[in-house]
């Protein structure tokens, strides 16, 4: 049985080709290449999150009025 000599450069090149092929095969199925029309249909911030942000901003405006508190 003979030992097959493979240089480090050859091994790294083969690994890079295999990794690149795997990425190229899975990339079209991913959402990384989504079109703008597809992305525009999906709201990245849900309505309940927007409502919570509005409540927090209103609370912040009430708290930061610049008037001293009655509680000290």
C-alpha atoms as a PDB file:
ATOM      1  CA  UNK A   1       0.000   0.000   0.000  1.00  0.00           C
ATOM      2  CA  UNK A   2       1.532   3.292  -1.054  1.00  0.00           C
ATOM      3  CA  UNK A   3       1.017   6.630   0.630  1.00  0.00           C
ATOM      4  CA  UNK A   4      -0.431   9.327  -1.622  1.00  0.00           C
ATOM      5  CA  UNK A   5       1.388  12.617  -1.164  1.00  0.00           C
ATOM      6  CA  UNK A   6      -0.850  15.657  -1.332  1.00  0.00           C
ATOM      7  CA  UNK A   7       0.682  19.056  -0.732  1.00  0.00           C
ATOM      8  CA  UNK A   8      -0.885  21.509   1.630  1.00  0.00           C
ATOM      9  CA  UNK A   9      -1.539  23.920  -1.234  1.00  0.00           C
ATOM     10  CA  UNK A  10      -3.407  21.244  -3.203  1.00  0.00           C
ATOM     11  CA  UNK A  11      -5.436  20.272  -0.161  1.00  0.00           C
ATOM     12  CA  UNK A  12      -6.391  23.896   0.557  1.00  0.00           C
ATOM     13  CA  UNK A  13      -7.285  24.507  -3.090  1.00  0.00           C
ATOM     14  CA  UNK A  14      -9.526  21.441  -3.163  1.00  0.00           C
ATOM     15  CA  UNK A  15     -11.196  22.471   0.085  1.00  0.00           C
ATOM     16  CA  UNK A  16     -11.804  25.969  -1.301  1.00  0.00           C
ATOM     17  CA  UNK A  17     -13.354  24.582  -4.487  1.00  0.00           C
ATOM     18  CA  UNK A  18     -15.621  22.236  -2.549  1.00  0.00           C
ATOM     19  CA  UNK A  19     -16.668  25.007  -0.151  1.00  0.00           C
ATOM     20  CA  UNK A  20     -17.300  27.412  -3.017  1.00  0.00           C
ATOM     21  CA  UNK A  21     -19.399  24.850  -4.852  1.00  0.00           C
ATOM     22  CA  UNK A  22     -21.448  24.168  -1.728  1.00  0.00           C
ATOM     23  CA  UNK A  23     -22.057  27.878  -1.165  1.00  0.00           C
ATOM     24  CA  UNK A  24     -22.959  28.414  -4.814  1.00  0.00           C
ATOM     25  CA  UNK A  25     -25.424  25.537  -4.664  1.00  0.00           C
ATOM     26  CA  UNK A  26     -27.201  26.800  -1.543  1.00  0.00           C
ATOM     27  CA  UNK A  27     -27.091  30.540  -2.240  1.00  0.00           C
ATOM     28  CA  UNK A  28     -30.006  30.735  -4.719  1.00  0.00           C
ATOM     29  CA  UNK A  29     -32.264  29.011  -2.197  1.00  0.00           C
ATOM     30  CA  UNK A  30     -31.328  31.455   0.527  1.00  0.00           C
ATOM     31  CA  UNK A  31     -32.796  34.883   1.084  1.00  0.00           C
ATOM     32  CA  UNK A  32     -29.446  36.554   0.515  1.00  0.00           C
ATOM     33  CA  UNK A  33     -30.315  37.113  -3.123  1.00  0.00           C
ATOM     34  CA  UNK A  34     -33.890  38.227  -2.595  1.00  0.00           C
ATOM     35  CA  UNK A  35     -35.188  40.819  -4.980  1.00  0.00           C
ATOM     36  CA  UNK A  36     -36.385  44.203  -3.789  1.00  0.00           C
ATOM     37  CA  UNK A  37     -39.980  43.320  -4.603  1.00  0.00           C
ATOM     38  CA  UNK A  38     -39.763  40.246  -2.418  1.00  0.00           C
ATOM     39  CA  UNK A  39     -38.070  42.161   0.378  1.00  0.00           C
ATOM     40  CA  UNK A  40     -40.607  44.993   0.177  1.00  0.00           C
ATOM     41  CA  UNK A  41     -43.457  42.557   0.827  1.00  0.00           C
ATOM     42  CA  UNK A  42     -42.009  41.471   4.163  1.00  0.00           C
ATOM     43  CA  UNK A  43     -42.097  44.050   6.939  1.00  0.00           C
ATOM     44  CA  UNK A  44     -38.895  43.560   8.958  1.00  0.00           C
ATOM     45  CA  UNK A  45     -40.461  45.172  12.049  1.00  0.00           C
ATOM     46  CA  UNK A  46     -43.727  43.587  13.208  1.00  0.00           C
ATOM     47  CA  UNK A  47     -46.664  45.794  14.193  1.00  0.00           C
ATOM     48  CA  UNK A  48     -46.500  44.815  17.869  1.00  0.00           C
ATOM     49  CA  UNK A  49     -42.852  45.892  18.022  1.00  0.00           C
ATOM     50  CA  UNK A  50     -43.720  49.236  16.419  1.00  0.00           C
ATOM     51  CA  UNK A  51     -46.521  49.700  18.955  1.00  0.00           C
ATOM     52  CA  UNK A  52     -44.162  48.911  21.839  1.00  0.00           C
ATOM     53  CA  UNK A  53     -41.618  51.417  20.523  1.00  0.00           C
ATOM     54  CA  UNK A  54     -44.287  54.113  20.268  1.00  0.00           C
ATOM     55  CA  UNK A  55     -45.375  53.413  23.868  1.00  0.00           C
ATOM     56  CA  UNK A  56     -41.773  53.573  25.078  1.00  0.00           C
ATOM     57  CA  UNK A  57     -41.148  56.841  23.244  1.00  0.00           C
ATOM     58  CA  UNK A  58     -44.329  58.367  24.701  1.00  0.00           C
ATOM     59  CA  UNK A  59     -43.289  57.224  28.186  1.00  0.00           C
ATOM     60  CA  UNK A  60     -39.840  58.713  27.629  1.00  0.00           C
ATOM     61  CA  UNK A  61     -41.391  62.060  26.609  1.00  0.00           C
ATOM     62  CA  UNK A  62     -43.512  62.048  29.799  1.00  0.00           C
ATOM     63  CA  UNK A  63     -40.536  61.162  31.998  1.00  0.00           C
ATOM     64  CA  UNK A  64     -38.058  63.612  30.495  1.00  0.00           C
ATOM     65  CA  UNK A  65     -40.126  66.800  30.841  1.00  0.00           C
ATOM     66  CA  UNK A  66     -37.377  68.746  32.631  1.00  0.00           C
ATOM     67  CA  UNK A  67     -39.544  69.344  35.692  1.00  0.00           C
ATOM     68  CA  UNK A  68     -38.377  68.135  39.094  1.00  0.00           C
ATOM     69  CA  UNK A  69     -40.282  65.156  40.416  1.00  0.00           C
ATOM     70  CA  UNK A  70     -42.649  65.387  43.360  1.00  0.00           C
ATOM     71  CA  UNK A  71     -40.954  62.250  44.677  1.00  0.00           C
ATOM     72  CA  UNK A  72     -37.598  63.908  44.961  1.00  0.00           C
END
